[in-house]
């Protein structure tokens, strides 16, 4: 455990940040899950709507450093590809 007053303060700050960041990471996962569920249900319109809601959240978390920018780009790309394939399957 921390001994000096400054070390105790830093430990408190680190714990506070960790729990806040964990909450934000969980929020991103929830938005991504909503899109995945809509894709699994083969509901193209719901999937598109969920995707448009999720993208700004994913970008914001990448800007804050909660998730890496490449991970954000990978999620957006894969989700968009699934939605596009779902739309083409519905059209065919």
PDB file of N, CA and C in Angstrom:
ATOM      1  N   UNK A   1       0.837  -1.186   0.000  1.00  0.00           N
ATOM      2  CA  UNK A   1       0.000   0.000   0.000  1.00  0.00           C
ATOM      3  C   UNK A   1       0.880   1.246   0.000  1.00  0.00           C
ATOM      4  N   UNK A   2       0.346   2.340  -0.520  1.00  0.00           N
ATOM      5  CA  UNK A   2       1.078   3.590  -0.617  1.00  0.00           C
ATOM      6  C   UNK A   2       1.381   4.155   0.777  1.00  0.00           C
ATOM      7  N   UNK A   3       2.565   4.721   0.914  1.00  0.00           N
ATOM      8  CA  UNK A   3       2.965   5.260   2.217  1.00  0.00           C
ATOM      9  C   UNK A   3       2.926   6.781   2.258  1.00  0.00           C
ATOM     10  N   UNK A   4       3.462   7.439   1.242  1.00  0.00           N
ATOM     11  CA  UNK A   4       3.492   8.906   1.257  1.00  0.00           C
ATOM     12  C   UNK A   4       2.119   9.467   0.885  1.00  0.00           C
ATOM     13  N   UNK A   5       1.820  10.671   1.331  1.00  0.00           N
ATOM     14  CA  UNK A   5       0.518  11.279   0.988  1.00  0.00           C
ATOM     15  C   UNK A   5       0.286  11.393  -0.515  1.00  0.00           C
ATOM     16  N   UNK A   6       1.344  11.729  -1.262  1.00  0.00           N
ATOM     17  CA  UNK A   6       1.184  11.865  -2.717  1.00  0.00           C
ATOM     18  C   UNK A   6       0.913  10.519  -3.371  1.00  0.00           C
ATOM     19  N   UNK A   7       1.548   9.463  -2.858  1.00  0.00           N
ATOM     20  CA  UNK A   7       1.313   8.123  -3.404  1.00  0.00           C
ATOM     21  C   UNK A   7      -0.098   7.651  -3.102  1.00  0.00           C
ATOM     22  N   UNK A   8      -0.601   8.009  -1.903  1.00  0.00           N
ATOM     23  CA  UNK A   8      -1.981   7.659  -1.549  1.00  0.00           C
ATOM     24  C   UNK A   8      -2.961   8.373  -2.474  1.00  0.00           C
ATOM     25  N   UNK A   9      -2.676   9.644  -2.745  1.00  0.00           N
ATOM     26  CA  UNK A   9      -3.556  10.417  -3.638  1.00  0.00           C
ATOM     27  C   UNK A   9      -3.532   9.814  -5.035  1.00  0.00           C
ATOM     28  N   UNK A  10      -2.343   9.475  -5.538  1.00  0.00           N
ATOM     29  CA  UNK A  10      -2.232   8.902  -6.883  1.00  0.00           C
ATOM     30  C   UNK A  10      -2.975   7.572  -6.964  1.00  0.00           C
ATOM     31  N   UNK A  11      -2.917   6.774  -5.908  1.00  0.00           N
ATOM     32  CA  UNK A  11      -3.622   5.488  -5.885  1.00  0.00           C
ATOM     33  C   UNK A  11      -5.126   5.717  -5.956  1.00  0.00           C
ATOM     34  N   UNK A  12      -5.622   6.732  -5.231  1.00  0.00           N
ATOM     35  CA  UNK A  12      -7.053   7.052  -5.280  1.00  0.00           C
ATOM     36  C   UNK A  12      -7.457   7.531  -6.674  1.00  0.00           C
ATOM     37  N   UNK A  13      -6.618   8.382  -7.263  1.00  0.00           N
ATOM     38  CA  UNK A  13      -6.919   8.902  -8.602  1.00  0.00           C
ATOM     39  C   UNK A  13      -6.911   7.780  -9.635  1.00  0.00           C
ATOM     40  N   UNK A  14      -5.938   6.883  -9.517  1.00  0.00           N
ATOM     41  CA  UNK A  14      -5.832   5.776 -10.469  1.00  0.00           C
ATOM     42  C   UNK A  14      -7.061   4.881 -10.395  1.00  0.00           C
ATOM     43  N   UNK A  15      -7.524   4.595  -9.180  1.00  0.00           N
ATOM     44  CA  UNK A  15      -8.710   3.747  -9.010  1.00  0.00           C
ATOM     45  C   UNK A  15      -9.956   4.427  -9.577  1.00  0.00           C
ATOM     46  N   UNK A  16     -10.062   5.730  -9.353  1.00  0.00           N
ATOM     47  CA  UNK A  16     -11.209   6.484  -9.860  1.00  0.00           C
ATOM     48  C   UNK A  16     -11.215   6.461 -11.389  1.00  0.00           C
ATOM     49  N   UNK A  17     -10.055   6.689 -11.992  1.00  0.00           N
ATOM     50  CA  UNK A  17      -9.949   6.668 -13.459  1.00  0.00           C
ATOM     51  C   UNK A  17     -10.223   5.279 -14.018  1.00  0.00           C
ATOM     52  N   UNK A  18      -9.690   4.263 -13.323  1.00  0.00           N
ATOM     53  CA  UNK A  18      -9.875   2.892 -13.793  1.00  0.00           C
ATOM     54  C   UNK A  18     -11.358   2.533 -13.840  1.00  0.00           C
ATOM     55  N   UNK A  19     -12.084   2.870 -12.794  1.00  0.00           N
ATOM     56  CA  UNK A  19     -13.501   2.521 -12.768  1.00  0.00           C
ATOM     57  C   UNK A  19     -14.291   3.323 -13.802  1.00  0.00           C
ATOM     58  N   UNK A  20     -13.921   4.580 -14.022  1.00  0.00           N
ATOM     59  CA  UNK A  20     -14.605   5.405 -15.025  1.00  0.00           C
ATOM     60  C   UNK A  20     -14.339   4.861 -16.428  1.00  0.00           C
ATOM     61  N   UNK A  21     -13.071   4.524 -16.693  1.00  0.00           N
ATOM     62  CA  UNK A  21     -12.716   3.979 -18.008  1.00  0.00           C
ATOM     63  C   UNK A  21     -13.389   2.629 -18.247  1.00  0.00           C
ATOM     64  N   UNK A  22     -13.501   1.819 -17.200  1.00  0.00           N
ATOM     65  CA  UNK A  22     -14.160   0.515 -17.329  1.00  0.00           C
ATOM     66  C   UNK A  22     -15.623   0.710 -17.706  1.00  0.00           C
ATOM     67  N   UNK A  23     -16.248   1.725 -17.114  1.00  0.00           N
ATOM     68  CA  UNK A  23     -17.640   2.031 -17.421  1.00  0.00           C
ATOM     69  C   UNK A  23     -17.793   2.438 -18.888  1.00  0.00           C
ATOM     70  N   UNK A  24     -16.885   3.279 -19.370  1.00  0.00           N
ATOM     71  CA  UNK A  24     -16.944   3.730 -20.764  1.00  0.00           C
ATOM     72  C   UNK A  24     -16.698   2.568 -21.737  1.00  0.00           C
ATOM     73  N   UNK A  25     -15.743   1.690 -21.379  1.00  0.00           N
ATOM     74  CA  UNK A  25     -15.456   0.521 -22.220  1.00  0.00           C
ATOM     75  C   UNK A  25     -16.675  -0.388 -22.297  1.00  0.00           C
ATOM     76  N   UNK A  26     -17.347  -0.553 -21.170  1.00  0.00           N
ATOM     77  CA  UNK A  26     -18.550  -1.371 -21.123  1.00  0.00           C
ATOM     78  C   UNK A  26     -19.644  -0.770 -22.004  1.00  0.00           C
ATOM     79  N   UNK A  27     -19.756   0.555 -21.992  1.00  0.00           N
ATOM     80  CA  UNK A  27     -20.764   1.238 -22.803  1.00  0.00           C
ATOM     81  C   UNK A  27     -20.511   0.975 -24.295  1.00  0.00           C
ATOM     82  N   UNK A  28     -19.257   1.046 -24.712  1.00  0.00           N
ATOM     83  CA  UNK A  28     -18.908   0.792 -26.115  1.00  0.00           C
ATOM     84  C   UNK A  28     -19.300  -0.632 -26.499  1.00  0.00           C
ATOM     85  N   UNK A  29     -18.975  -1.582 -25.620  1.00  0.00           N
ATOM     86  CA  UNK A  29     -19.308  -2.980 -25.899  1.00  0.00           C
ATOM     87  C   UNK A  29     -20.819  -3.171 -26.046  1.00  0.00           C
ATOM     88  N   UNK A  30     -21.583  -2.462 -25.226  1.00  0.00           N
ATOM     89  CA  UNK A  30     -23.048  -2.566 -25.282  1.00  0.00           C
ATOM     90  C   UNK A  30     -23.564  -2.057 -26.624  1.00  0.00           C
ATOM     91  N   UNK A  31     -23.055  -0.920 -27.084  1.00  0.00           N
ATOM     92  CA  UNK A  31     -23.481  -0.381 -28.377  1.00  0.00           C
ATOM     93  C   UNK A  31     -23.127  -1.341 -29.511  1.00  0.00           C
ATOM     94  N   UNK A  32     -21.938  -1.932 -29.437  1.00  0.00           N
ATOM     95  CA  UNK A  32     -21.521  -2.887 -30.469  1.00  0.00           C
ATOM     96  C   UNK A  32     -22.421  -4.120 -30.424  1.00  0.00           C
ATOM     97  N   UNK A  33     -22.743  -4.579 -29.209  1.00  0.00           N
ATOM     98  CA  UNK A  33     -23.614  -5.739 -29.048  1.00  0.00           C
ATOM     99  C   UNK A  33     -24.995  -5.495 -29.635  1.00  0.00           C
ATOM    100  N   UNK A  34     -25.500  -4.265 -29.491  1.00  0.00           N
ATOM    101  CA  UNK A  34     -26.809  -3.933 -30.049  1.00  0.00           C
ATOM    102  C   UNK A  34     -26.814  -4.095 -31.569  1.00  0.00           C
ATOM    103  N   UNK A  35     -25.731  -3.684 -32.215  1.00  0.00           N
ATOM    104  CA  UNK A  35     -25.622  -3.837 -33.669  1.00  0.00           C
ATOM    105  C   UNK A  35     -25.531  -5.310 -34.028  1.00  0.00           C
ATOM    106  N   UNK A  36     -24.719  -6.054 -33.291  1.00  0.00           N
ATOM    107  CA  UNK A  36     -24.537  -7.488 -33.559  1.00  0.00           C
ATOM    108  C   UNK A  36     -25.857  -8.241 -33.408  1.00  0.00           C
ATOM    109  N   UNK A  37     -26.645  -7.893 -32.381  1.00  0.00           N
ATOM    110  CA  UNK A  37     -27.942  -8.549 -32.181  1.00  0.00           C
ATOM    111  C   UNK A  37     -28.892  -8.267 -33.341  1.00  0.00           C
ATOM    112  N   UNK A  38     -28.885  -7.021 -33.827  1.00  0.00           N
ATOM    113  CA  UNK A  38     -29.744  -6.663 -34.958  1.00  0.00           C
ATOM    114  C   UNK A  38     -29.317  -7.416 -36.213  1.00  0.00           C
ATOM    115  N   UNK A  39     -28.021  -7.591 -36.401  1.00  0.00           N
ATOM    116  CA  UNK A  39     -27.508  -8.342 -37.556  1.00  0.00           C
ATOM    117  C   UNK A  39     -27.915  -9.814 -37.420  1.00  0.00           C
ATOM    118  N   UNK A  40     -27.793 -10.362 -36.210  1.00  0.00           N
ATOM    119  CA  UNK A  40     -28.158 -11.763 -35.974  1.00  0.00           C
ATOM    120  C   UNK A  40     -29.642 -11.998 -36.213  1.00  0.00           C
ATOM    121  N   UNK A  41     -30.454 -10.970 -35.916  1.00  0.00           N
ATOM    122  CA  UNK A  41     -31.896 -11.068 -36.134  1.00  0.00           C
ATOM    123  C   UNK A  41     -32.268 -10.818 -37.595  1.00  0.00           C
ATOM    124  N   UNK A  42     -31.271 -10.514 -38.411  1.00  0.00           N
ATOM    125  CA  UNK A  42     -31.440 -10.234 -39.848  1.00  0.00           C
ATOM    126  C   UNK A  42     -32.392  -9.052 -40.090  1.00  0.00           C
ATOM    127  N   UNK A  43     -32.350  -8.082 -39.194  1.00  0.00           N
ATOM    128  CA  UNK A  43     -33.164  -6.869 -39.312  1.00  0.00           C
ATOM    129  C   UNK A  43     -32.268  -5.751 -39.835  1.00  0.00           C
ATOM    130  N   UNK A  44     -32.309  -5.534 -41.152  1.00  0.00           N
ATOM    131  CA  UNK A  44     -31.403  -4.584 -41.801  1.00  0.00           C
ATOM    132  C   UNK A  44     -31.614  -3.156 -41.310  1.00  0.00           C
ATOM    133  N   UNK A  45     -32.856  -2.726 -41.211  1.00  0.00           N
ATOM    134  CA  UNK A  45     -33.137  -1.351 -40.789  1.00  0.00           C
ATOM    135  C   UNK A  45     -32.696  -1.107 -39.350  1.00  0.00           C
ATOM    136  N   UNK A  46     -33.000  -2.046 -38.463  1.00  0.00           N
ATOM    137  CA  UNK A  46     -32.594  -1.915 -37.062  1.00  0.00           C
ATOM    138  C   UNK A  46     -31.067  -1.924 -36.945  1.00  0.00           C
ATOM    139  N   UNK A  47     -30.420  -2.758 -37.744  1.00  0.00           N
ATOM    140  CA  UNK A  47     -28.961  -2.835 -37.723  1.00  0.00           C
ATOM    141  C   UNK A  47     -28.345  -1.512 -38.184  1.00  0.00           C
ATOM    142  N   UNK A  48     -28.916  -0.933 -39.258  1.00  0.00           N
ATOM    143  CA  UNK A  48     -28.402   0.358 -39.735  1.00  0.00           C
ATOM    144  C   UNK A  48     -28.581   1.441 -38.686  1.00  0.00           C
ATOM    145  N   UNK A  49     -29.734   1.460 -38.050  1.00  0.00           N
ATOM    146  CA  UNK A  49     -30.007   2.458 -37.015  1.00  0.00           C
ATOM    147  C   UNK A  49     -29.055   2.291 -35.832  1.00  0.00           C
ATOM    148  N   UNK A  50     -28.888   1.060 -35.373  1.00  0.00           N
ATOM    149  CA  UNK A  50     -27.992   0.790 -34.247  1.00  0.00           C
ATOM    150  C   UNK A  50     -26.556   1.160 -34.600  1.00  0.00           C
ATOM    151  N   UNK A  51     -26.170   0.917 -35.857  1.00  0.00           N
ATOM    152  CA  UNK A  51     -24.813   1.242 -36.315  1.00  0.00           C
ATOM    153  C   UNK A  51     -24.583   2.750 -36.302  1.00  0.00           C
ATOM    154  N   UNK A  52     -25.565   3.516 -36.812  1.00  0.00           N
ATOM    155  CA  UNK A  52     -25.394   4.967 -36.855  1.00  0.00           C
ATOM    156  C   UNK A  52     -25.346   5.565 -35.449  1.00  0.00           C
ATOM    157  N   UNK A  53     -25.989   4.905 -34.495  1.00  0.00           N
ATOM    158  CA  UNK A  53     -25.924   5.362 -33.101  1.00  0.00           C
ATOM    159  C   UNK A  53     -24.579   4.962 -32.477  1.00  0.00           C
ATOM    160  N   UNK A  54     -24.059   3.803 -32.843  1.00  0.00           N
ATOM    161  CA  UNK A  54     -22.836   3.278 -32.232  1.00  0.00           C
ATOM    162  C   UNK A  54     -21.570   3.977 -32.728  1.00  0.00           C
ATOM    163  N   UNK A  55     -21.546   4.379 -33.992  1.00  0.00           N
ATOM    164  CA  UNK A  55     -20.322   4.931 -34.580  1.00  0.00           C
ATOM    165  C   UNK A  55     -19.785   6.153 -33.825  1.00  0.00           C
ATOM    166  N   UNK A  56     -20.604   7.165 -33.522  1.00  0.00           N
ATOM    167  CA  UNK A  56     -20.043   8.308 -32.789  1.00  0.00           C
ATOM    168  C   UNK A  56     -19.525   7.929 -31.403  1.00  0.00           C
ATOM    169  N   UNK A  57     -20.165   6.965 -30.762  1.00  0.00           N
ATOM    170  CA  UNK A  57     -19.712   6.526 -29.440  1.00  0.00           C
ATOM    171  C   UNK A  57     -18.356   5.835 -29.558  1.00  0.00           C
ATOM    172  N   UNK A  58     -18.219   4.971 -30.552  1.00  0.00           N
ATOM    173  CA  UNK A  58     -16.945   4.275 -30.776  1.00  0.00           C
ATOM    174  C   UNK A  58     -15.843   5.282 -31.071  1.00  0.00           C
ATOM    175  N   UNK A  59     -16.131   6.254 -31.944  1.00  0.00           N
ATOM    176  CA  UNK A  59     -15.138   7.277 -32.282  1.00  0.00           C
ATOM    177  C   UNK A  59     -14.737   8.107 -31.059  1.00  0.00           C
ATOM    178  N   UNK A  60     -15.725   8.464 -30.248  1.00  0.00           N
ATOM    179  CA  UNK A  60     -15.444   9.282 -29.065  1.00  0.00           C
ATOM    180  C   UNK A  60     -14.537   8.533 -28.098  1.00  0.00           C
ATOM    181  N   UNK A  61     -14.783   7.250 -27.911  1.00  0.00           N
ATOM    182  CA  UNK A  61     -13.952   6.467 -26.996  1.00  0.00           C
ATOM    183  C   UNK A  61     -12.534   6.284 -27.558  1.00  0.00           C
ATOM    184  N   UNK A  62     -12.427   6.203 -28.884  1.00  0.00           N
ATOM    185  CA  UNK A  62     -11.100   6.107 -29.496  1.00  0.00           C
ATOM    186  C   UNK A  62     -10.342   7.415 -29.312  1.00  0.00           C
ATOM    187  N   UNK A  63     -11.028   8.547 -29.442  1.00  0.00           N
ATOM    188  CA  UNK A  63     -10.393   9.850 -29.245  1.00  0.00           C
ATOM    189  C   UNK A  63      -9.910  10.020 -27.805  1.00  0.00           C
ATOM    190  N   UNK A  64     -10.680   9.494 -26.864  1.00  0.00           N
ATOM    191  CA  UNK A  64     -10.318   9.606 -25.447  1.00  0.00           C
ATOM    192  C   UNK A  64      -9.235   8.613 -25.052  1.00  0.00           C
ATOM    193  N   UNK A  65      -8.957   7.632 -25.918  1.00  0.00           N
ATOM    194  CA  UNK A  65      -7.937   6.640 -25.601  1.00  0.00           C
ATOM    195  C   UNK A  65      -8.465   5.465 -24.806  1.00  0.00           C
ATOM    196  N   UNK A  66      -9.783   5.360 -24.705  1.00  0.00           N
ATOM    197  CA  UNK A  66     -10.375   4.237 -23.976  1.00  0.00           C
ATOM    198  C   UNK A  66     -10.156   2.951 -24.768  1.00  0.00           C
ATOM    199  N   UNK A  67     -10.327   3.040 -26.099  1.00  0.00           N
ATOM    200  CA  UNK A  67      -9.963   1.934 -26.990  1.00  0.00           C
ATOM    201  C   UNK A  67      -9.021   2.500 -28.041  1.00  0.00           C
ATOM    202  N   UNK A  68      -8.209   1.659 -28.627  1.00  0.00           N
ATOM    203  CA  UNK A  68      -7.252   2.086 -29.642  1.00  0.00           C
ATOM    204  C   UNK A  68      -7.980   2.482 -30.918  1.00  0.00           C
ATOM    205  N   UNK A  69      -7.442   3.469 -31.634  1.00  0.00           N
ATOM    206  CA  UNK A  69      -8.115   3.953 -32.843  1.00  0.00           C
ATOM    207  C   UNK A  69      -8.230   2.866 -33.907  1.00  0.00           C
ATOM    208  N   UNK A  70      -7.251   1.981 -33.978  1.00  0.00           N
ATOM    209  CA  UNK A  70      -7.325   0.894 -34.964  1.00  0.00           C
ATOM    210  C   UNK A  70      -8.395  -0.123 -34.584  1.00  0.00           C
ATOM    211  N   UNK A  71      -8.577  -0.342 -33.291  1.00  0.00           N
ATOM    212  CA  UNK A  71      -9.631  -1.255 -32.840  1.00  0.00           C
ATOM    213  C   UNK A  71     -10.990  -0.668 -33.176  1.00  0.00           C
ATOM    214  N   UNK A  72     -11.136   0.642 -32.984  1.00  0.00           N
ATOM    215  CA  UNK A  72     -12.390   1.320 -33.325  1.00  0.00           C
ATOM    216  C   UNK A  72     -12.671   1.183 -34.821  1.00  0.00           C
ATOM    217  N   UNK A  73     -11.651   1.413 -35.628  1.00  0.00           N
ATOM    218  CA  UNK A  73     -11.805   1.319 -37.086  1.00  0.00           C
ATOM    219  C   UNK A  73     -12.157  -0.107 -37.488  1.00  0.00           C
ATOM    220  N   UNK A  74     -11.543  -1.087 -36.838  1.00  0.00           N
ATOM    221  CA  UNK A  74     -11.803  -2.496 -37.156  1.00  0.00           C
ATOM    222  C   UNK A  74     -13.246  -2.859 -36.833  1.00  0.00           C
ATOM    223  N   UNK A  75     -13.728  -2.432 -35.667  1.00  0.00           N
ATOM    224  CA  UNK A  75     -15.118  -2.707 -35.297  1.00  0.00           C
ATOM    225  C   UNK A  75     -16.080  -2.079 -36.294  1.00  0.00           C
ATOM    226  N   UNK A  76     -15.858  -0.814 -36.619  1.00  0.00           N
ATOM    227  CA  UNK A  76     -16.756  -0.111 -37.535  1.00  0.00           C
ATOM    228  C   UNK A  76     -16.753  -0.779 -38.909  1.00  0.00           C
ATOM    229  N   UNK A  77     -15.581  -1.153 -39.378  1.00  0.00           N
ATOM    230  CA  UNK A  77     -15.463  -1.766 -40.690  1.00  0.00           C
ATOM    231  C   UNK A  77     -16.183  -3.111 -40.750  1.00  0.00           C
ATOM    232  N   UNK A  78     -15.972  -3.937 -39.745  1.00  0.00           N
ATOM    233  CA  UNK A  78     -16.586  -5.268 -39.743  1.00  0.00           C
ATOM    234  C   UNK A  78     -18.100  -5.191 -39.599  1.00  0.00           C
ATOM    235  N   UNK A  79     -18.559  -4.312 -38.699  1.00  0.00           N
ATOM    236  CA  UNK A  79     -20.006  -4.159 -38.527  1.00  0.00           C
ATOM    237  C   UNK A  79     -20.651  -3.658 -39.813  1.00  0.00           C
ATOM    238  N   UNK A  80     -20.011  -2.679 -40.437  1.00  0.00           N
ATOM    239  CA  UNK A  80     -20.552  -2.120 -41.675  1.00  0.00           C
ATOM    240  C   UNK A  80     -20.584  -3.169 -42.782  1.00  0.00           C
ATOM    241  N   UNK A  81     -19.557  -4.008 -42.850  1.00  0.00           N
ATOM    242  CA  UNK A  81     -19.523  -5.064 -43.859  1.00  0.00           C
ATOM    243  C   UNK A  81     -20.663  -6.057 -43.639  1.00  0.00           C
ATOM    244  N   UNK A  82     -20.929  -6.396 -42.382  1.00  0.00           N
ATOM    245  CA  UNK A  82     -22.028  -7.317 -42.072  1.00  0.00           C
ATOM    246  C   UNK A  82     -23.373  -6.712 -42.457  1.00  0.00           C
ATOM    247  N   UNK A  83     -23.536  -5.423 -42.167  1.00  0.00           N
ATOM    248  CA  UNK A  83     -24.803  -4.755 -42.481  1.00  0.00           C
ATOM    249  C   UNK A  83     -24.989  -4.675 -43.996  1.00  0.00           C
ATOM    250  N   UNK A  84     -23.909  -4.382 -44.705  1.00  0.00           N
ATOM    251  CA  UNK A  84     -23.971  -4.298 -46.160  1.00  0.00           C
ATOM    252  C   UNK A  84     -24.336  -5.666 -46.748  1.00  0.00           C
ATOM    253  N   UNK A  85     -23.740  -6.733 -46.233  1.00  0.00           N
ATOM    254  CA  UNK A  85     -24.053  -8.085 -46.713  1.00  0.00           C
ATOM    255  C   UNK A  85     -25.501  -8.441 -46.409  1.00  0.00           C
ATOM    256  N   UNK A  86     -25.988  -7.989 -45.259  1.00  0.00           N
ATOM    257  CA  UNK A  86     -27.382  -8.238 -44.874  1.00  0.00           C
ATOM    258  C   UNK A  86     -28.334  -7.547 -45.834  1.00  0.00           C
ATOM    259  N   UNK A  87     -27.994  -6.321 -46.223  1.00  0.00           N
ATOM    260  CA  UNK A  87     -28.818  -5.576 -47.177  1.00  0.00           C
ATOM    261  C   UNK A  87     -28.828  -6.201 -48.541  1.00  0.00           C
ATOM    262  N   UNK A  88     -27.679  -6.697 -48.973  1.00  0.00           N
ATOM    263  CA  UNK A  88     -27.601  -7.338 -50.300  1.00  0.00           C
ATOM    264  C   UNK A  88     -28.358  -8.661 -50.297  1.00  0.00           C
ATOM    265  N   UNK A  89     -28.319  -9.368 -49.183  1.00  0.00           N
ATOM    266  CA  UNK A  89     -29.044 -10.631 -49.073  1.00  0.00           C
ATOM    267  C   UNK A  89     -30.559 -10.393 -49.103  1.00  0.00           C
ATOM    268  N   UNK A  90     -30.976  -9.291 -48.477  1.00  0.00           N
ATOM    269  CA  UNK A  90     -32.406  -8.951 -48.455  1.00  0.00           C
ATOM    270  C   UNK A  90     -32.883  -8.519 -49.840  1.00  0.00           C
ATOM    271  N   UNK A  91     -32.007  -7.834 -50.581  1.00  0.00           N
ATOM    272  CA  UNK A  91     -32.366  -7.356 -51.911  1.00  0.00           C
ATOM    273  C   UNK A  91     -32.428  -8.508 -52.924  1.00  0.00           C
ATOM    274  N   UNK A  92     -31.608  -9.505 -52.697  1.00  0.00           N
ATOM    275  CA  UNK A  92     -31.537 -10.614 -53.654  1.00  0.00           C
ATOM    276  C   UNK A  92     -32.673 -11.590 -53.526  1.00  0.00           C
TER     277      UNK A  92
END
